[in-house]
Amino acid sequence: MPLMDKIKDFLRSPQGRKLTEQGKRLASDPKNQEKLKRMMNKRR
């Protein structure tokens, strides 16, 4: 089974959906957005 198919299957599973929702919640937090901007600026 190709890797992309495995990833798609995981994301459709209950655990994958849970992690996706957690990621969306964390990404929408202004504190985390600011941390990401600072990290990106350090890498440049």
N, C-alpha and C. Protein backbone atom coordinates (compact mmCIF):
# COMPACT_ATOMS: atom_id res chain seq x y z
N MET A 1 0.85 -1.18 0.00
CA MET A 1 0.00 0.00 0.00
C MET A 1 0.90 1.24 0.00
N PRO A 2 0.69 2.14 -0.95
CA PRO A 2 1.51 3.36 -0.99
C PRO A 2 1.33 4.21 0.27
N LEU A 3 2.34 4.97 0.58
CA LEU A 3 2.35 5.79 1.79
C LEU A 3 1.18 6.76 1.83
N MET A 4 0.86 7.40 0.72
CA MET A 4 -0.24 8.37 0.72
C MET A 4 -1.57 7.70 1.06
N ASP A 5 -1.77 6.48 0.61
CA ASP A 5 -3.00 5.75 0.95
C ASP A 5 -3.07 5.46 2.45
N LYS A 6 -1.93 5.11 3.03
CA LYS A 6 -1.89 4.86 4.47
C LYS A 6 -2.21 6.13 5.24
N ILE A 7 -1.67 7.25 4.78
CA ILE A 7 -1.94 8.53 5.45
C ILE A 7 -3.42 8.89 5.34
N LYS A 8 -3.99 8.72 4.15
CA LYS A 8 -5.42 9.01 3.96
C LYS A 8 -6.28 8.13 4.86
N ASP A 9 -5.94 6.85 4.93
CA ASP A 9 -6.70 5.93 5.79
C ASP A 9 -6.62 6.36 7.25
N PHE A 10 -5.44 6.76 7.68
CA PHE A 10 -5.28 7.20 9.07
C PHE A 10 -6.10 8.45 9.34
N LEU A 11 -6.06 9.42 8.42
CA LEU A 11 -6.80 10.66 8.64
C LEU A 11 -8.31 10.45 8.67
N ARG A 12 -8.77 9.39 8.05
CA ARG A 12 -10.20 9.07 8.05
C ARG A 12 -10.61 8.27 9.28
N SER A 13 -9.63 7.75 10.01
CA SER A 13 -9.93 6.96 11.20
C SER A 13 -10.33 7.88 12.36
N PRO A 14 -10.97 7.34 13.40
CA PRO A 14 -11.34 8.17 14.55
C PRO A 14 -10.13 8.87 15.18
N GLN A 15 -9.02 8.16 15.29
CA GLN A 15 -7.82 8.76 15.88
C GLN A 15 -7.29 9.87 14.99
N GLY A 16 -7.30 9.67 13.69
CA GLY A 16 -6.84 10.68 12.75
C GLY A 16 -7.71 11.92 12.79
N ARG A 17 -9.02 11.72 12.87
CA ARG A 17 -9.93 12.87 12.95
C ARG A 17 -9.71 13.64 14.25
N LYS A 18 -9.46 12.91 15.33
CA LYS A 18 -9.21 13.56 16.62
C LYS A 18 -7.95 14.42 16.54
N LEU A 19 -6.88 13.88 15.97
CA LEU A 19 -5.63 14.63 15.85
C LEU A 19 -5.78 15.83 14.91
N THR A 20 -6.58 15.66 13.86
CA THR A 20 -6.82 16.76 12.93
C THR A 20 -7.53 17.91 13.64
N GLU A 21 -8.55 17.58 14.42
CA GLU A 21 -9.28 18.62 15.16
C GLU A 21 -8.38 19.30 16.19
N GLN A 22 -7.53 18.51 16.86
CA GLN A 22 -6.60 19.08 17.83
C GLN A 22 -5.63 20.04 17.14
N GLY A 23 -5.15 19.65 15.98
CA GLY A 23 -4.24 20.51 15.23
C GLY A 23 -4.90 21.80 14.80
N LYS A 24 -6.14 21.72 14.34
CA LYS A 24 -6.87 22.92 13.94
C LYS A 24 -7.06 23.86 15.13
N ARG A 25 -7.39 23.26 16.28
CA ARG A 25 -7.60 24.07 17.49
C ARG A 25 -6.30 24.77 17.90
N LEU A 26 -5.19 24.04 17.87
CA LEU A 26 -3.91 24.63 18.24
C LEU A 26 -3.47 25.69 17.23
N ALA A 27 -3.73 25.45 15.95
CA ALA A 27 -3.32 26.39 14.92
C ALA A 27 -4.12 27.69 14.98
N SER A 28 -5.32 27.64 15.51
CA SER A 28 -6.14 28.85 15.57
C SER A 28 -5.84 29.69 16.79
N ASP A 29 -5.03 29.19 17.71
CA ASP A 29 -4.67 29.92 18.93
C ASP A 29 -3.66 31.03 18.59
N PRO A 30 -3.99 32.28 18.91
CA PRO A 30 -3.07 33.39 18.59
C PRO A 30 -1.67 33.23 19.21
N LYS A 31 -1.58 32.64 20.39
CA LYS A 31 -0.27 32.42 21.01
C LYS A 31 0.59 31.50 20.15
N ASN A 32 -0.02 30.43 19.67
CA ASN A 32 0.72 29.48 18.84
C ASN A 32 1.07 30.09 17.49
N GLN A 33 0.22 30.93 16.94
CA GLN A 33 0.52 31.60 15.69
C GLN A 33 1.74 32.51 15.86
N GLU A 34 1.80 33.20 16.99
CA GLU A 34 2.95 34.08 17.26
C GLU A 34 4.23 33.26 17.43
N LYS A 35 4.15 32.13 18.12
CA LYS A 35 5.32 31.25 18.27
C LYS A 35 5.83 30.80 16.91
N LEU A 36 4.91 30.42 16.03
CA LEU A 36 5.28 29.96 14.70
C LEU A 36 5.95 31.08 13.90
N LYS A 37 5.42 32.29 13.99
CA LYS A 37 6.02 33.42 13.28
C LYS A 37 7.44 33.67 13.78
N ARG A 38 7.64 33.61 15.10
CA ARG A 38 8.99 33.82 15.66
C ARG A 38 9.94 32.74 15.19
N MET A 39 9.47 31.48 15.18
CA MET A 39 10.33 30.38 14.72
C MET A 39 10.70 30.55 13.27
N MET A 40 9.75 30.94 12.46
CA MET A 40 10.00 31.12 11.02
C MET A 40 11.01 32.25 10.79
N ASN A 41 10.89 33.32 11.56
CA ASN A 41 11.82 34.43 11.42
C ASN A 41 13.23 34.04 11.84
N LYS A 42 13.38 33.17 12.81
CA LYS A 42 14.70 32.69 13.23
C LYS A 42 15.34 31.85 12.14
N ARG A 43 14.53 31.10 11.43
CA ARG A 43 15.06 30.20 10.39
C ARG A 43 15.55 30.95 9.16
N ARG A 44 15.11 32.18 8.99
CA ARG A 44 15.49 32.95 7.79
C ARG A 44 16.79 33.66 7.97
